[in-house]
């Protein structure tokens, strides 16, 4: 799996690369507010810590549902 960049604010393209989810899915999740984010001049920014917490919850949910 890819590693997240070390800087505190991530871009959608970095999330797409990390998760290997489609661009469409990531933007849908961002627009619905499922991935915590904010916009600067119309560009999504994702706090690295908040994204990491969200990602761990997704992994736990995925493991629970597949058990």
PDB file of N, CA and C in Angstrom:
ATOM      1  N   UNK A   1       0.852  -1.182   0.000  1.00  0.00           N
ATOM      2  CA  UNK A   1       0.000   0.000   0.000  1.00  0.00           C
ATOM      3  C   UNK A   1       0.896   1.244   0.000  1.00  0.00           C
ATOM      4  N   UNK A   2       0.429   2.254  -0.621  1.00  0.00           N
ATOM      5  CA  UNK A   2       1.140   3.526  -0.646  1.00  0.00           C
ATOM      6  C   UNK A   2       1.108   4.163   0.735  1.00  0.00           C
ATOM      7  N   UNK A   3       2.081   5.010   0.997  1.00  0.00           N
ATOM      8  CA  UNK A   3       2.103   5.762   2.248  1.00  0.00           C
ATOM      9  C   UNK A   3       1.557   7.154   2.013  1.00  0.00           C
ATOM     10  N   UNK A   4       0.943   7.700   3.061  1.00  0.00           N
ATOM     11  CA  UNK A   4       0.478   9.076   2.987  1.00  0.00           C
ATOM     12  C   UNK A   4       1.673  10.019   3.064  1.00  0.00           C
ATOM     13  N   UNK A   5       1.606  11.125   2.357  1.00  0.00           N
ATOM     14  CA  UNK A   5       2.655  12.141   2.515  1.00  0.00           C
ATOM     15  C   UNK A   5       2.692  12.622   3.966  1.00  0.00           C
ATOM     16  N   UNK A   6       3.828  13.109   4.393  1.00  0.00           N
ATOM     17  CA  UNK A   6       4.008  13.506   5.798  1.00  0.00           C
ATOM     18  C   UNK A   6       3.444  14.882   6.131  1.00  0.00           C
ATOM     19  N   UNK A   7       3.133  15.698   5.122  1.00  0.00           N
ATOM     20  CA  UNK A   7       2.632  17.039   5.422  1.00  0.00           C
ATOM     21  C   UNK A   7       1.219  16.974   5.999  1.00  0.00           C
ATOM     22  N   UNK A   8       0.807  17.987   6.780  1.00  0.00           N
ATOM     23  CA  UNK A   8      -0.442  17.923   7.542  1.00  0.00           C
ATOM     24  C   UNK A   8      -1.727  18.043   6.723  1.00  0.00           C
ATOM     25  N   UNK A   9      -1.678  18.644   5.547  1.00  0.00           N
ATOM     26  CA  UNK A   9      -2.884  18.811   4.737  1.00  0.00           C
ATOM     27  C   UNK A   9      -2.706  18.102   3.405  1.00  0.00           C
ATOM     28  N   UNK A  10      -3.635  17.216   3.108  1.00  0.00           N
ATOM     29  CA  UNK A  10      -3.550  16.392   1.908  1.00  0.00           C
ATOM     30  C   UNK A  10      -4.495  16.906   0.830  1.00  0.00           C
ATOM     31  N   UNK A  11      -4.184  16.554  -0.396  1.00  0.00           N
ATOM     32  CA  UNK A  11      -5.052  16.853  -1.530  1.00  0.00           C
ATOM     33  C   UNK A  11      -5.808  15.591  -1.913  1.00  0.00           C
ATOM     34  N   UNK A  12      -6.914  15.757  -2.619  1.00  0.00           N
ATOM     35  CA  UNK A  12      -7.712  14.619  -3.063  1.00  0.00           C
ATOM     36  C   UNK A  12      -6.862  13.640  -3.872  1.00  0.00           C
ATOM     37  N   UNK A  13      -5.980  14.150  -4.711  1.00  0.00           N
ATOM     38  CA  UNK A  13      -5.146  13.268  -5.541  1.00  0.00           C
ATOM     39  C   UNK A  13      -4.268  12.360  -4.677  1.00  0.00           C
ATOM     40  N   UNK A  14      -3.827  12.848  -3.531  1.00  0.00           N
ATOM     41  CA  UNK A  14      -3.010  12.031  -2.627  1.00  0.00           C
ATOM     42  C   UNK A  14      -3.859  10.955  -1.949  1.00  0.00           C
ATOM     43  N   UNK A  15      -5.093  11.303  -1.646  1.00  0.00           N
ATOM     44  CA  UNK A  15      -6.021  10.328  -1.055  1.00  0.00           C
ATOM     45  C   UNK A  15      -6.354   9.241  -2.077  1.00  0.00           C
ATOM     46  N   UNK A  16      -6.562   9.639  -3.311  1.00  0.00           N
ATOM     47  CA  UNK A  16      -6.856   8.678  -4.381  1.00  0.00           C
ATOM     48  C   UNK A  16      -5.699   7.697  -4.532  1.00  0.00           C
ATOM     49  N   UNK A  17      -4.496   8.209  -4.567  1.00  0.00           N
ATOM     50  CA  UNK A  17      -3.309   7.354  -4.713  1.00  0.00           C
ATOM     51  C   UNK A  17      -3.162   6.420  -3.518  1.00  0.00           C
ATOM     52  N   UNK A  18      -3.369   6.939  -2.314  1.00  0.00           N
ATOM     53  CA  UNK A  18      -3.212   6.140  -1.099  1.00  0.00           C
ATOM     54  C   UNK A  18      -4.251   5.022  -1.014  1.00  0.00           C
ATOM     55  N   UNK A  19      -5.515   5.369  -1.232  1.00  0.00           N
ATOM     56  CA  UNK A  19      -6.588   4.387  -1.058  1.00  0.00           C
ATOM     57  C   UNK A  19      -6.748   3.455  -2.250  1.00  0.00           C
ATOM     58  N   UNK A  20      -6.285   3.933  -3.423  1.00  0.00           N
ATOM     59  CA  UNK A  20      -6.505   3.226  -4.693  1.00  0.00           C
ATOM     60  C   UNK A  20      -7.987   3.153  -5.045  1.00  0.00           C
ATOM     61  N   UNK A  21      -8.768   4.056  -4.470  1.00  0.00           N
ATOM     62  CA  UNK A  21     -10.172   4.191  -4.836  1.00  0.00           C
ATOM     63  C   UNK A  21     -10.240   5.048  -6.095  1.00  0.00           C
ATOM     64  N   UNK A  22     -11.343   4.951  -6.802  1.00  0.00           N
ATOM     65  CA  UNK A  22     -11.487   5.753  -8.016  1.00  0.00           C
ATOM     66  C   UNK A  22     -11.628   7.237  -7.665  1.00  0.00           C
ATOM     67  N   UNK A  23     -11.246   8.057  -8.616  1.00  0.00           N
ATOM     68  CA  UNK A  23     -11.371   9.506  -8.455  1.00  0.00           C
ATOM     69  C   UNK A  23     -12.831   9.879  -8.197  1.00  0.00           C
ATOM     70  N   UNK A  24     -13.731   9.246  -8.933  1.00  0.00           N
ATOM     71  CA  UNK A  24     -15.167   9.521  -8.781  1.00  0.00           C
ATOM     72  C   UNK A  24     -15.628   9.215  -7.360  1.00  0.00           C
ATOM     73  N   UNK A  25     -15.235   8.066  -6.839  1.00  0.00           N
ATOM     74  CA  UNK A  25     -15.665   7.681  -5.492  1.00  0.00           C
ATOM     75  C   UNK A  25     -15.114   8.645  -4.447  1.00  0.00           C
ATOM     76  N   UNK A  26     -13.842   8.992  -4.540  1.00  0.00           N
ATOM     77  CA  UNK A  26     -13.251   9.901  -3.553  1.00  0.00           C
ATOM     78  C   UNK A  26     -13.981  11.245  -3.572  1.00  0.00           C
ATOM     79  N   UNK A  27     -14.245  11.780  -4.762  1.00  0.00           N
ATOM     80  CA  UNK A  27     -14.945  13.070  -4.820  1.00  0.00           C
ATOM     81  C   UNK A  27     -16.381  12.957  -4.314  1.00  0.00           C
ATOM     82  N   UNK A  28     -17.043  11.826  -4.528  1.00  0.00           N
ATOM     83  CA  UNK A  28     -18.387  11.638  -3.974  1.00  0.00           C
ATOM     84  C   UNK A  28     -18.326  11.639  -2.445  1.00  0.00           C
ATOM     85  N   UNK A  29     -17.353  10.936  -1.894  1.00  0.00           N
ATOM     86  CA  UNK A  29     -17.203  10.887  -0.436  1.00  0.00           C
ATOM     87  C   UNK A  29     -16.873  12.260   0.135  1.00  0.00           C
ATOM     88  N   UNK A  30     -16.046  13.015  -0.567  1.00  0.00           N
ATOM     89  CA  UNK A  30     -15.723  14.374  -0.127  1.00  0.00           C
ATOM     90  C   UNK A  30     -16.956  15.274  -0.188  1.00  0.00           C
ATOM     91  N   UNK A  31     -17.683  15.207  -1.284  1.00  0.00           N
ATOM     92  CA  UNK A  31     -18.866  16.063  -1.448  1.00  0.00           C
ATOM     93  C   UNK A  31     -19.943  15.748  -0.427  1.00  0.00           C
ATOM     94  N   UNK A  32     -20.081  14.479  -0.056  1.00  0.00           N
ATOM     95  CA  UNK A  32     -21.085  14.084   0.940  1.00  0.00           C
ATOM     96  C   UNK A  32     -20.605  14.329   2.366  1.00  0.00           C
ATOM     97  N   UNK A  33     -19.346  14.708   2.508  1.00  0.00           N
ATOM     98  CA  UNK A  33     -18.808  14.961   3.843  1.00  0.00           C
ATOM     99  C   UNK A  33     -18.405  13.708   4.586  1.00  0.00           C
ATOM    100  N   UNK A  34     -18.331  12.585   3.887  1.00  0.00           N
ATOM    101  CA  UNK A  34     -17.952  11.338   4.554  1.00  0.00           C
ATOM    102  C   UNK A  34     -16.461  11.308   4.868  1.00  0.00           C
ATOM    103  N   UNK A  35     -15.655  11.897   4.007  1.00  0.00           N
ATOM    104  CA  UNK A  35     -14.240  12.105   4.316  1.00  0.00           C
ATOM    105  C   UNK A  35     -14.138  13.534   4.833  1.00  0.00           C
ATOM    106  N   UNK A  36     -13.648  13.722   6.061  1.00  0.00           N
ATOM    107  CA  UNK A  36     -13.547  15.077   6.610  1.00  0.00           C
ATOM    108  C   UNK A  36     -12.617  15.939   5.757  1.00  0.00           C
ATOM    109  N   UNK A  37     -13.115  17.096   5.361  1.00  0.00           N
ATOM    110  CA  UNK A  37     -12.318  17.969   4.498  1.00  0.00           C
ATOM    111  C   UNK A  37     -12.836  19.397   4.572  1.00  0.00           C
ATOM    112  N   UNK A  38     -12.120  20.277   3.926  1.00  0.00           N
ATOM    113  CA  UNK A  38     -12.543  21.664   3.764  1.00  0.00           C
ATOM    114  C   UNK A  38     -12.004  22.129   2.419  1.00  0.00           C
ATOM    115  N   UNK A  39     -12.521  23.227   1.939  1.00  0.00           N
ATOM    116  CA  UNK A  39     -12.098  23.735   0.643  1.00  0.00           C
ATOM    117  C   UNK A  39     -11.353  25.057   0.798  1.00  0.00           C
ATOM    118  N   UNK A  40     -10.308  25.207   0.000  1.00  0.00           N
ATOM    119  CA  UNK A  40      -9.566  26.449  -0.103  1.00  0.00           C
ATOM    120  C   UNK A  40      -9.564  26.809  -1.590  1.00  0.00           C
ATOM    121  N   UNK A  41     -10.202  27.937  -1.915  1.00  0.00           N
ATOM    122  CA  UNK A  41     -10.324  28.357  -3.316  1.00  0.00           C
ATOM    123  C   UNK A  41     -10.868  27.242  -4.206  1.00  0.00           C
ATOM    124  N   UNK A  42     -11.862  26.508  -3.685  1.00  0.00           N
ATOM    125  CA  UNK A  42     -12.521  25.461  -4.456  1.00  0.00           C
ATOM    126  C   UNK A  42     -11.773  24.144  -4.527  1.00  0.00           C
ATOM    127  N   UNK A  43     -10.655  24.023  -3.810  1.00  0.00           N
ATOM    128  CA  UNK A  43      -9.848  22.800  -3.830  1.00  0.00           C
ATOM    129  C   UNK A  43      -9.982  22.106  -2.477  1.00  0.00           C
ATOM    130  N   UNK A  44     -10.317  20.811  -2.519  1.00  0.00           N
ATOM    131  CA  UNK A  44     -10.439  20.058  -1.274  1.00  0.00           C
ATOM    132  C   UNK A  44      -9.088  19.920  -0.596  1.00  0.00           C
ATOM    133  N   UNK A  45      -9.098  20.116   0.707  1.00  0.00           N
ATOM    134  CA  UNK A  45      -7.939  19.854   1.565  1.00  0.00           C
ATOM    135  C   UNK A  45      -8.417  18.909   2.654  1.00  0.00           C
ATOM    136  N   UNK A  46      -7.596  17.957   2.962  1.00  0.00           N
ATOM    137  CA  UNK A  46      -7.954  16.946   3.941  1.00  0.00           C
ATOM    138  C   UNK A  46      -6.880  16.938   5.018  1.00  0.00           C
ATOM    139  N   UNK A  47      -7.304  17.144   6.261  1.00  0.00           N
ATOM    140  CA  UNK A  47      -6.372  17.091   7.381  1.00  0.00           C
ATOM    141  C   UNK A  47      -5.871  15.654   7.520  1.00  0.00           C
ATOM    142  N   UNK A  48      -4.565  15.503   7.549  1.00  0.00           N
ATOM    143  CA  UNK A  48      -3.962  14.167   7.583  1.00  0.00           C
ATOM    144  C   UNK A  48      -4.436  13.352   8.789  1.00  0.00           C
ATOM    145  N   UNK A  49      -4.482  13.965   9.967  1.00  0.00           N
ATOM    146  CA  UNK A  49      -4.900  13.260  11.182  1.00  0.00           C
ATOM    147  C   UNK A  49      -6.356  12.825  11.081  1.00  0.00           C
ATOM    148  N   UNK A  50      -7.226  13.721  10.631  1.00  0.00           N
ATOM    149  CA  UNK A  50      -8.649  13.369  10.492  1.00  0.00           C
ATOM    150  C   UNK A  50      -8.845  12.279   9.444  1.00  0.00           C
ATOM    151  N   UNK A  51      -8.095  12.357   8.351  1.00  0.00           N
ATOM    152  CA  UNK A  51      -8.217  11.319   7.325  1.00  0.00           C
ATOM    153  C   UNK A  51      -7.747   9.971   7.877  1.00  0.00           C
ATOM    154  N   UNK A  52      -6.635   9.970   8.607  1.00  0.00           N
ATOM    155  CA  UNK A  52      -6.109   8.722   9.165  1.00  0.00           C
ATOM    156  C   UNK A  52      -7.129   8.075  10.091  1.00  0.00           C
ATOM    157  N   UNK A  53      -7.785   8.888  10.918  1.00  0.00           N
ATOM    158  CA  UNK A  53      -8.835   8.366  11.803  1.00  0.00           C
ATOM    159  C   UNK A  53      -9.990   7.807  10.991  1.00  0.00           C
ATOM    160  N   UNK A  54     -10.412   8.505   9.948  1.00  0.00           N
ATOM    161  CA  UNK A  54     -11.501   8.046   9.081  1.00  0.00           C
ATOM    162  C   UNK A  54     -11.115   6.732   8.422  1.00  0.00           C
ATOM    163  N   UNK A  55      -9.895   6.649   7.911  1.00  0.00           N
ATOM    164  CA  UNK A  55      -9.426   5.456   7.212  1.00  0.00           C
ATOM    165  C   UNK A  55      -9.413   4.243   8.142  1.00  0.00           C
ATOM    166  N   UNK A  56      -8.952   4.435   9.369  1.00  0.00           N
ATOM    167  CA  UNK A  56      -8.937   3.326  10.338  1.00  0.00           C
ATOM    168  C   UNK A  56     -10.354   2.846  10.633  1.00  0.00           C
ATOM    169  N   UNK A  57     -11.311   3.757  10.763  1.00  0.00           N
ATOM    170  CA  UNK A  57     -12.709   3.367  10.981  1.00  0.00           C
ATOM    171  C   UNK A  57     -13.235   2.557   9.812  1.00  0.00           C
ATOM    172  N   UNK A  58     -12.844   2.941   8.600  1.00  0.00           N
ATOM    173  CA  UNK A  58     -13.289   2.208   7.412  1.00  0.00           C
ATOM    174  C   UNK A  58     -12.719   0.795   7.413  1.00  0.00           C
ATOM    175  N   UNK A  59     -11.470   0.674   7.797  1.00  0.00           N
ATOM    176  CA  UNK A  59     -10.827  -0.648   7.835  1.00  0.00           C
ATOM    177  C   UNK A  59     -11.477  -1.536   8.890  1.00  0.00           C
ATOM    178  N   UNK A  60     -11.799  -0.966  10.049  1.00  0.00           N
ATOM    179  CA  UNK A  60     -12.447  -1.738  11.108  1.00  0.00           C
ATOM    180  C   UNK A  60     -13.822  -2.189  10.632  1.00  0.00           C
ATOM    181  N   UNK A  61     -14.581  -1.276  10.020  1.00  0.00           N
ATOM    182  CA  UNK A  61     -15.914  -1.606   9.519  1.00  0.00           C
ATOM    183  C   UNK A  61     -15.821  -2.704   8.455  1.00  0.00           C
ATOM    184  N   UNK A  62     -14.851  -2.583   7.547  1.00  0.00           N
ATOM    185  CA  UNK A  62     -14.685  -3.541   6.472  1.00  0.00           C
ATOM    186  C   UNK A  62     -14.340  -4.930   7.050  1.00  0.00           C
ATOM    187  N   UNK A  63     -13.451  -4.971   8.049  1.00  0.00           N
ATOM    188  CA  UNK A  63     -13.088  -6.236   8.671  1.00  0.00           C
ATOM    189  C   UNK A  63     -14.282  -6.845   9.402  1.00  0.00           C
ATOM    190  N   UNK A  64     -15.082  -6.025  10.063  1.00  0.00           N
ATOM    191  CA  UNK A  64     -16.258  -6.504  10.787  1.00  0.00           C
ATOM    192  C   UNK A  64     -17.287  -7.089   9.823  1.00  0.00           C
ATOM    193  N   UNK A  65     -17.527  -6.391   8.711  1.00  0.00           N
ATOM    194  CA  UNK A  65     -18.528  -6.823   7.750  1.00  0.00           C
ATOM    195  C   UNK A  65     -18.107  -8.089   7.010  1.00  0.00           C
ATOM    196  N   UNK A  66     -16.808  -8.307   6.854  1.00  0.00           N
ATOM    197  CA  UNK A  66     -16.348  -9.488   6.125  1.00  0.00           C
ATOM    198  C   UNK A  66     -16.183 -10.712   7.033  1.00  0.00           C
ATOM    199  N   UNK A  67     -16.329 -10.512   8.350  1.00  0.00           N
ATOM    200  CA  UNK A  67     -16.164 -11.628   9.300  1.00  0.00           C
ATOM    201  C   UNK A  67     -17.397 -12.490   9.368  1.00  0.00           C
TER     202      UNK A  67
END
